[in-house]
Amino acid sequence: MSQVRKRRVYPFTAIVGQAEMKLALLLNVIDPRIGGVMIMGDRGTGKSTTIRALADLLPEIDVVTGDPYNSSPSDPDLQSAEVRSRADKGELLPVEPRQVPMVDLPLGATEDRLCGTIDIEKALSEGIRAFEPGLLAKANRGLLYVDEVNLLDDHLVDVLLDSAASGWNTVEREGVSVRHPARFVLIGSGNPEEGELRPQLLDRFGMSVEVRTVRNAQQRVQVVEQRSSFDGNPDGFLQQVQTAQQALQTKVVAAQERLANVQLDPDLRLKISEVCGQLNVDGLRGDIVTNRAARALAAYEERLEVSDEDVARVVACCLRHRLRKDPLEAIDSGERVVKVFCQVFARPMPKDLSEFELAQCESLA
């Protein structure tokens, strides 16, 4: 175990409530191709804490020693040009374990900081043009977190859109041309009262969840007590939840391995696309993401076949943020999605939407 793993981060399994947010994040870790999570809700609901805890929960990954892009030693699609060239020559690549990267994108970041720029120090001292990797390079094979994403400058949004769509970052600076992998789980959070997202960015997120402040007095006391306990004795607190942390990590790794064997019936695929069609969802990303999220959910719950219930639980999270909304609405509650789903799947409309909640049957605490 590397020293990086010993940093003291509030543990994922100790976070009280917010089960839908936690499960959506885990599904994206199981299948990063889902496309990330948009988390919208009240301030102080543990969004940032949960995301940092997720990165700490995940098992280490193997990377090529000394590579700034977290290049995989075996997957060419996750290798920088230099590493791929070395591999093509038959060179034995040195490997080291590294904590899954979790990169914060600050609102005030410049495009150079995000994409990378010329290494001025080398240019001045050695007289050579060298590339200094940016945050997209550091986030490769990890998590890229944007807090207050609805306040992000448009030019940074455009860069994120390009990288999230292609999985690559291309930089042309002062005669230096660099293209490197930028495969990351994009996670955004924000408060809808502070502004809306551009539709292009909102559609890029695979799933969307809403978080609300805990109103139950007992749960609020539990949150305060656990946080105080962690702050007072982090090592002791982490020791208490170590078994739960290891069990969840094992479960996620097993789900990742199981995912390739999970089957989705063609009739279910047809119904998912019919739901998207009736909702007038633009493009096909909604169809693809719903398929992937349903398979990831089945894999997480140790099943090899996707059921109608799996689709019911993910469909609102995957589609509600893609609908054409009333201008006064920040994010659709999901009622329109549920109504169309019930029509297509020949189910009665429920009195409430609880059975269509992603984490309705899952305890993560």
Protein backbone atom coordinates (compact mmCIF):
# COMPACT_ATOMS: atom_id res chain seq x y z
CA MET A 1 0.00 0.00 0.00
CA SER A 2 1.46 3.35 -0.98
CA GLN A 3 1.81 6.32 1.36
CA VAL A 4 -0.76 8.28 -0.66
CA ARG A 5 -3.47 5.95 0.61
CA LYS A 6 -2.78 7.03 4.19
CA ARG A 7 -4.10 10.55 3.78
CA ARG A 8 -7.05 11.04 6.09
CA VAL A 9 -10.23 11.68 4.15
CA TYR A 10 -13.74 11.42 5.58
CA PRO A 11 -14.84 7.87 4.64
CA PHE A 12 -17.47 7.23 1.99
CA THR A 13 -19.40 4.64 4.00
CA ALA A 14 -19.76 7.03 6.96
CA ILE A 15 -21.67 9.65 4.98
CA VAL A 16 -25.23 9.78 6.28
CA GLY A 17 -28.09 9.77 3.79
CA GLN A 18 -27.75 11.06 0.19
CA ALA A 19 -28.00 7.44 -1.01
CA GLU A 20 -29.01 8.41 -4.55
CA MET A 21 -25.95 10.63 -5.00
CA LYS A 22 -23.62 7.96 -3.62
CA LEU A 23 -25.04 5.19 -5.80
CA ALA A 24 -24.93 7.35 -8.94
CA LEU A 25 -21.24 8.02 -8.27
CA LEU A 26 -20.53 4.32 -7.74
CA LEU A 27 -22.28 3.38 -11.01
CA ASN A 28 -20.03 5.82 -12.87
CA VAL A 29 -16.98 4.24 -11.28
CA ILE A 30 -18.20 0.79 -12.31
CA ASP A 31 -18.72 2.03 -15.89
CA PRO A 32 -17.02 5.39 -16.56
CA ARG A 33 -18.59 5.42 -20.04
CA ILE A 34 -21.88 6.46 -18.41
CA GLY A 35 -20.51 9.97 -18.59
CA GLY A 36 -20.38 11.40 -15.09
CA VAL A 37 -22.83 12.89 -12.62
CA MET A 38 -24.37 16.31 -12.20
CA ILE A 39 -25.25 16.92 -8.54
CA MET A 40 -27.54 19.87 -7.91
CA GLY A 41 -28.88 20.90 -4.54
CA ASP A 42 -28.60 22.90 -1.38
CA ARG A 43 -25.33 24.20 0.02
CA GLY A 44 -23.74 22.21 2.83
CA THR A 45 -25.23 18.85 1.86
CA GLY A 46 -21.92 17.00 1.61
CA LYS A 47 -21.43 17.07 -2.16
CA SER A 48 -17.71 17.87 -2.09
CA THR A 49 -17.08 15.61 0.90
CA THR A 50 -18.74 12.66 -0.84
CA ILE A 51 -16.73 13.07 -4.05
CA ARG A 52 -13.41 13.29 -2.22
CA ALA A 53 -14.41 10.25 -0.17
CA LEU A 54 -15.18 8.34 -3.37
CA ALA A 55 -11.67 8.91 -4.74
CA ASP A 56 -10.17 7.70 -1.48
CA LEU A 57 -12.38 4.60 -1.48
CA LEU A 58 -11.29 3.34 -4.89
CA PRO A 59 -8.45 0.82 -5.26
CA GLU A 60 -5.15 1.99 -6.64
CA ILE A 61 -4.47 1.77 -10.38
CA ASP A 62 -1.28 0.70 -12.16
CA VAL A 63 0.44 3.52 -14.02
CA VAL A 64 3.70 3.83 -15.93
CA THR A 65 6.32 5.13 -13.52
CA GLY A 66 7.07 8.83 -13.92
CA ASP A 67 4.37 9.44 -16.54
CA PRO A 68 2.45 12.70 -15.93
CA TYR A 69 -0.65 11.40 -17.73
CA ASN A 70 -1.28 8.35 -15.51
CA SER A 71 -0.73 6.17 -18.58
CA SER A 72 -1.88 2.57 -18.42
CA PRO A 73 0.91 0.01 -18.87
CA SER A 74 -1.35 -2.19 -21.04
CA ASP A 75 -4.19 -0.17 -22.67
CA PRO A 76 -3.01 1.87 -25.73
CA ASP A 77 -6.09 4.09 -25.52
CA LEU A 78 -4.97 5.25 -22.09
CA GLN A 79 -1.35 5.91 -22.97
CA SER A 80 0.48 9.11 -23.84
CA ALA A 81 2.35 9.29 -27.14
CA GLU A 82 5.70 8.81 -25.40
CA VAL A 83 4.57 5.71 -23.49
CA ARG A 84 2.96 4.20 -26.58
CA SER A 85 6.18 4.76 -28.54
CA ARG A 86 8.20 3.04 -25.82
CA ALA A 87 5.74 0.13 -25.76
CA ASP A 88 5.87 -0.23 -29.57
CA LYS A 89 9.65 -0.54 -29.36
CA GLY A 90 9.24 -3.47 -26.99
CA GLU A 91 10.53 -1.61 -23.95
CA LEU A 92 9.56 -3.09 -20.58
CA LEU A 93 7.58 -0.32 -18.92
CA PRO A 94 8.16 0.21 -15.19
CA VAL A 95 4.86 0.20 -13.27
CA GLU A 96 3.82 1.69 -9.96
CA PRO A 97 0.49 1.74 -8.07
CA ARG A 98 -1.09 5.16 -7.75
CA GLN A 99 -4.18 6.48 -6.01
CA VAL A 100 -7.03 7.18 -8.44
CA PRO A 101 -6.56 10.91 -9.22
CA MET A 102 -9.20 13.33 -8.05
CA VAL A 103 -8.75 16.79 -9.58
CA ASP A 104 -10.60 19.93 -8.51
CA LEU A 105 -11.22 22.46 -11.25
CA PRO A 106 -11.40 25.89 -9.59
CA LEU A 107 -13.75 28.45 -11.10
CA GLY A 108 -10.90 30.90 -11.62
CA ALA A 109 -8.71 28.46 -13.57
CA THR A 110 -7.26 29.61 -16.87
CA GLU A 111 -7.42 27.61 -20.07
CA ASP A 112 -3.64 27.07 -19.88
CA ARG A 113 -3.98 25.62 -16.38
CA LEU A 114 -6.71 23.28 -17.57
CA CYS A 115 -5.16 22.14 -20.85
CA GLY A 116 -1.46 22.61 -20.22
CA THR A 117 1.05 25.12 -21.49
CA ILE A 118 4.71 25.74 -22.32
CA ASP A 119 7.17 24.97 -19.53
CA ILE A 120 8.71 28.42 -19.14
CA GLU A 121 11.44 27.23 -16.77
CA LYS A 122 12.79 24.72 -19.27
CA ALA A 123 12.46 27.21 -22.09
CA LEU A 124 14.58 29.74 -20.23
CA SER A 125 17.10 27.40 -18.62
CA GLU A 126 17.57 24.83 -21.39
CA GLY A 127 16.35 26.71 -24.45
CA ILE A 128 13.88 23.97 -25.44
CA ARG A 129 10.17 23.96 -25.99
CA ALA A 130 8.62 21.62 -23.43
CA PHE A 131 5.01 20.96 -22.48
CA GLU A 132 3.77 21.36 -18.92
CA PRO A 133 0.66 19.16 -18.46
CA GLY A 134 -2.50 20.71 -17.07
CA LEU A 135 -5.40 19.51 -14.95
CA LEU A 136 -6.86 17.38 -17.77
CA ALA A 137 -3.65 15.38 -17.85
CA LYS A 138 -3.72 14.85 -14.09
CA ALA A 139 -7.37 13.76 -14.24
CA ASN A 140 -6.78 11.01 -16.81
CA ARG A 141 -8.17 7.69 -15.48
CA GLY A 142 -9.64 9.49 -12.50
CA LEU A 143 -12.26 11.99 -11.38
CA LEU A 144 -12.55 15.60 -12.52
CA TYR A 145 -14.70 17.59 -10.10
CA VAL A 146 -16.14 21.02 -10.88
CA ASP A 147 -17.84 22.68 -7.92
CA GLU A 148 -20.32 25.43 -8.78
CA VAL A 149 -20.18 24.18 -12.37
CA ASN A 150 -23.04 26.48 -13.33
CA LEU A 151 -20.71 29.45 -12.70
CA LEU A 152 -17.87 28.10 -14.88
CA ASP A 153 -16.64 30.41 -17.65
CA ASP A 154 -17.90 29.55 -21.13
CA HIS A 155 -14.42 29.06 -22.61
CA LEU A 156 -13.62 26.42 -19.97
CA VAL A 157 -16.96 24.77 -20.60
CA ASP A 158 -16.04 24.44 -24.29
CA VAL A 159 -12.73 22.77 -23.42
CA LEU A 160 -14.45 20.35 -21.04
CA LEU A 161 -17.03 19.49 -23.69
CA ASP A 162 -14.32 18.66 -26.23
CA SER A 163 -12.33 16.49 -23.84
CA ALA A 164 -15.35 14.72 -22.36
CA ALA A 165 -16.62 13.90 -25.85
CA SER A 166 -13.37 12.60 -27.32
CA GLY A 167 -11.42 11.38 -24.32
CA TRP A 168 -8.39 13.30 -25.61
CA ASN A 169 -6.89 16.72 -25.04
CA THR A 170 -5.08 18.45 -27.91
CA VAL A 171 -2.88 21.47 -27.22
CA GLU A 172 -1.20 23.75 -29.76
CA ARG A 173 1.07 26.24 -28.03
CA GLU A 174 4.03 28.20 -29.42
CA GLY A 175 5.15 25.53 -31.83
CA VAL A 176 4.45 22.65 -29.44
CA SER A 177 1.76 20.16 -30.44
CA VAL A 178 0.63 17.67 -27.78
CA ARG A 179 -2.22 15.18 -27.74
CA HIS A 180 -2.79 13.07 -24.66
CA PRO A 181 -5.58 10.90 -23.22
CA ALA A 182 -8.07 12.63 -20.93
CA ARG A 183 -10.50 9.91 -19.87
CA PHE A 184 -12.15 10.97 -16.64
CA VAL A 185 -15.42 10.75 -14.77
CA LEU A 186 -16.82 14.28 -14.96
CA ILE A 187 -18.59 15.28 -11.75
CA GLY A 188 -20.23 18.65 -11.36
CA SER A 189 -22.10 20.17 -8.48
CA GLY A 190 -23.95 23.38 -7.94
CA ASN A 191 -26.92 25.20 -6.53
CA PRO A 192 -29.67 25.81 -9.11
CA GLU A 193 -30.49 29.12 -7.42
CA GLU A 194 -27.12 30.48 -8.56
CA GLY A 195 -27.66 29.99 -12.28
CA GLU A 196 -28.42 27.42 -14.96
CA LEU A 197 -26.07 25.31 -17.02
CA ARG A 198 -25.63 25.62 -20.74
CA PRO A 199 -27.68 22.84 -22.39
CA GLN A 200 -24.55 21.51 -24.15
CA LEU A 201 -22.81 20.91 -20.82
CA LEU A 202 -25.89 19.62 -19.03
CA ASP A 203 -26.44 17.01 -21.75
CA ARG A 204 -22.81 15.88 -21.42
CA PHE A 205 -23.40 14.54 -17.92
CA GLY A 206 -24.58 10.96 -17.98
CA MET A 207 -26.74 11.21 -14.88
CA SER A 208 -28.21 13.95 -12.72
CA VAL A 209 -29.22 13.74 -9.07
CA GLU A 210 -30.71 16.22 -6.65
CA VAL A 211 -29.65 16.47 -3.03
CA ARG A 212 -31.59 18.09 -0.24
CA THR A 213 -30.71 19.18 3.27
CA VAL A 214 -31.49 16.50 5.84
CA ARG A 215 -34.54 17.63 7.84
CA ASN A 216 -34.82 14.68 10.22
CA ALA A 217 -33.46 15.77 13.62
CA GLN A 218 -31.95 12.37 14.46
CA GLN A 219 -30.08 12.20 11.17
CA ARG A 220 -28.80 15.76 11.62
CA VAL A 221 -27.47 14.87 15.07
CA GLN A 222 -25.85 11.74 13.62
CA VAL A 223 -24.10 13.81 10.93
CA VAL A 224 -22.80 16.31 13.50
CA GLU A 225 -21.61 13.61 15.91
CA GLN A 226 -19.81 11.60 13.22
CA ARG A 227 -18.12 14.66 11.79
CA SER A 228 -17.01 15.76 15.26
CA SER A 229 -15.72 12.26 15.97
CA PHE A 230 -13.71 12.24 12.72
CA ASP A 231 -12.26 15.70 13.31
CA GLY A 232 -11.30 14.79 16.91
CA ASN A 233 -9.69 11.43 16.12
CA PRO A 234 -9.41 10.72 12.40
CA ASP A 235 -7.33 7.56 12.76
CA GLY A 236 -9.70 6.03 15.31
CA PHE A 237 -12.76 6.91 13.24
CA LEU A 238 -11.24 5.43 10.08
CA GLN A 239 -10.40 2.25 11.98
CA GLN A 240 -14.05 1.86 12.99
CA VAL A 241 -15.30 1.97 9.39
CA GLN A 242 -12.38 0.13 7.78
CA THR A 243 -14.32 -3.13 7.41
CA ALA A 244 -17.24 -1.38 5.70
CA GLN A 245 -14.87 0.55 3.44
CA GLN A 246 -13.06 -2.61 2.34
CA ALA A 247 -16.35 -4.45 1.78
CA LEU A 248 -17.67 -1.66 -0.47
CA GLN A 249 -14.40 -1.44 -2.38
CA THR A 250 -14.48 -5.20 -2.98
CA LYS A 251 -18.08 -4.95 -4.15
CA VAL A 252 -17.24 -2.19 -6.64
CA VAL A 253 -14.25 -4.09 -8.04
CA ALA A 254 -16.38 -7.23 -8.42
CA ALA A 255 -19.06 -5.21 -10.23
CA GLN A 256 -16.45 -3.82 -12.63
CA GLU A 257 -15.37 -7.35 -13.47
CA ARG A 258 -18.96 -8.58 -13.76
CA LEU A 259 -20.14 -5.73 -16.00
CA ALA A 260 -19.00 -7.29 -19.29
CA ASN A 261 -21.22 -10.33 -18.64
CA VAL A 262 -24.40 -8.43 -17.78
CA GLN A 263 -27.08 -8.95 -20.43
CA LEU A 264 -29.72 -6.46 -21.53
CA ASP A 265 -32.66 -7.98 -23.37
CA PRO A 266 -33.29 -6.50 -26.87
CA ASP A 267 -36.92 -5.86 -25.91
CA LEU A 268 -35.74 -3.71 -23.01
CA ARG A 269 -33.43 -1.79 -25.31
CA LEU A 270 -36.36 -1.14 -27.62
CA LYS A 271 -38.52 0.13 -24.77
CA ILE A 272 -35.75 2.41 -23.48
CA SER A 273 -35.42 3.97 -26.94
CA GLU A 274 -39.20 4.31 -27.17
CA VAL A 275 -39.22 6.23 -23.88
CA CYS A 276 -36.49 8.55 -25.19
CA GLY A 277 -38.35 9.03 -28.46
CA GLN A 278 -41.64 9.91 -26.80
CA LEU A 279 -39.85 12.39 -24.52
CA ASN A 280 -38.30 14.08 -27.58
CA VAL A 281 -34.81 13.67 -26.13
CA ASP A 282 -32.32 15.21 -28.57
CA GLY A 283 -29.66 12.84 -29.88
CA LEU A 284 -29.00 9.29 -28.78
CA ARG A 285 -26.94 9.93 -25.68
CA GLY A 286 -29.98 9.40 -23.46
CA ASP A 287 -30.58 5.92 -24.91
CA ILE A 288 -26.94 4.93 -24.53
CA VAL A 289 -26.55 6.24 -20.98
CA THR A 290 -29.75 4.59 -19.75
CA ASN A 291 -28.58 1.24 -21.15
CA ARG A 292 -25.18 1.58 -19.50
CA ALA A 293 -26.53 2.76 -16.14
CA ALA A 294 -29.02 -0.11 -15.98
CA ARG A 295 -26.27 -2.65 -16.70
CA ALA A 296 -23.99 -1.07 -14.09
CA LEU A 297 -26.77 -1.19 -11.51
CA ALA A 298 -27.38 -4.89 -12.20
CA ALA A 299 -23.63 -5.57 -11.94
CA TYR A 300 -23.42 -3.68 -8.64
CA GLU A 301 -26.28 -5.71 -7.20
CA GLU A 302 -24.62 -8.95 -8.32
CA ARG A 303 -26.98 -9.84 -11.14
CA LEU A 304 -26.18 -10.82 -14.73
CA GLU A 305 -29.42 -9.71 -16.36
CA VAL A 306 -31.04 -6.28 -16.41
CA SER A 307 -34.65 -6.17 -15.24
CA ASP A 308 -37.47 -3.69 -15.80
CA GLU A 309 -36.89 -2.48 -12.24
CA ASP A 310 -33.28 -1.60 -13.01
CA VAL A 311 -34.42 0.57 -15.89
CA ALA A 312 -37.14 2.12 -13.73
CA ARG A 313 -34.59 3.14 -11.11
CA VAL A 314 -32.09 4.75 -13.50
CA VAL A 315 -34.36 6.24 -16.14
CA ALA A 316 -35.22 9.48 -14.34
CA CYS A 317 -31.58 10.18 -13.39
CA CYS A 318 -30.47 9.56 -16.97
CA LEU A 319 -33.13 11.52 -18.83
CA ARG A 320 -34.69 14.30 -16.78
CA HIS A 321 -31.85 16.77 -17.37
CA ARG A 322 -32.06 16.20 -21.15
CA LEU A 323 -35.67 17.33 -21.50
CA ARG A 324 -36.71 20.66 -22.91
CA LYS A 325 -37.83 22.41 -19.76
CA ASP A 326 -40.00 25.24 -18.63
CA PRO A 327 -37.72 28.33 -18.31
CA LEU A 328 -38.71 28.63 -14.65
CA GLU A 329 -37.59 25.06 -13.88
CA ALA A 330 -33.93 24.36 -13.02
CA ILE A 331 -34.01 20.60 -13.47
CA ASP A 332 -37.09 18.52 -14.19
CA SER A 333 -38.28 16.52 -11.19
CA GLY A 334 -38.53 13.40 -13.31
CA GLU A 335 -42.32 13.16 -13.30
CA ARG A 336 -42.55 13.47 -17.08
CA VAL A 337 -39.98 10.71 -17.49
CA VAL A 338 -41.87 8.44 -15.08
CA LYS A 339 -45.18 9.10 -16.85
CA VAL A 340 -43.81 8.12 -20.26
CA PHE A 341 -41.95 5.15 -18.79
CA CYS A 342 -45.20 3.83 -17.29
CA GLN A 343 -46.96 4.22 -20.64
CA VAL A 344 -44.26 2.35 -22.56
CA PHE A 345 -43.83 -0.40 -19.94
CA ALA A 346 -47.61 -0.70 -19.40
CA ARG A 347 -47.40 0.09 -15.70
CA PRO A 348 -49.82 2.13 -13.59
CA MET A 349 -48.68 5.62 -12.71
CA PRO A 350 -47.51 5.56 -9.06
CA LYS A 351 -48.95 7.89 -6.42
CA ASP A 352 -45.40 9.04 -5.63
CA LEU A 353 -42.05 8.66 -7.37
CA SER A 354 -40.27 6.73 -4.61
CA GLU A 355 -40.21 3.46 -6.56
CA PHE A 356 -38.35 5.27 -9.34
CA GLU A 357 -35.58 6.49 -7.05
CA LEU A 358 -32.17 5.12 -7.92
CA ALA A 359 -31.27 4.07 -4.38
CA GLN A 360 -34.72 2.90 -3.30
CA CYS A 361 -33.53 -0.54 -2.17
CA GLU A 362 -29.87 0.07 -1.55
CA SER A 363 -28.14 0.90 1.72
CA LEU A 364 -24.66 2.35 1.35
CA ALA A 365 -24.04 3.53 4.85
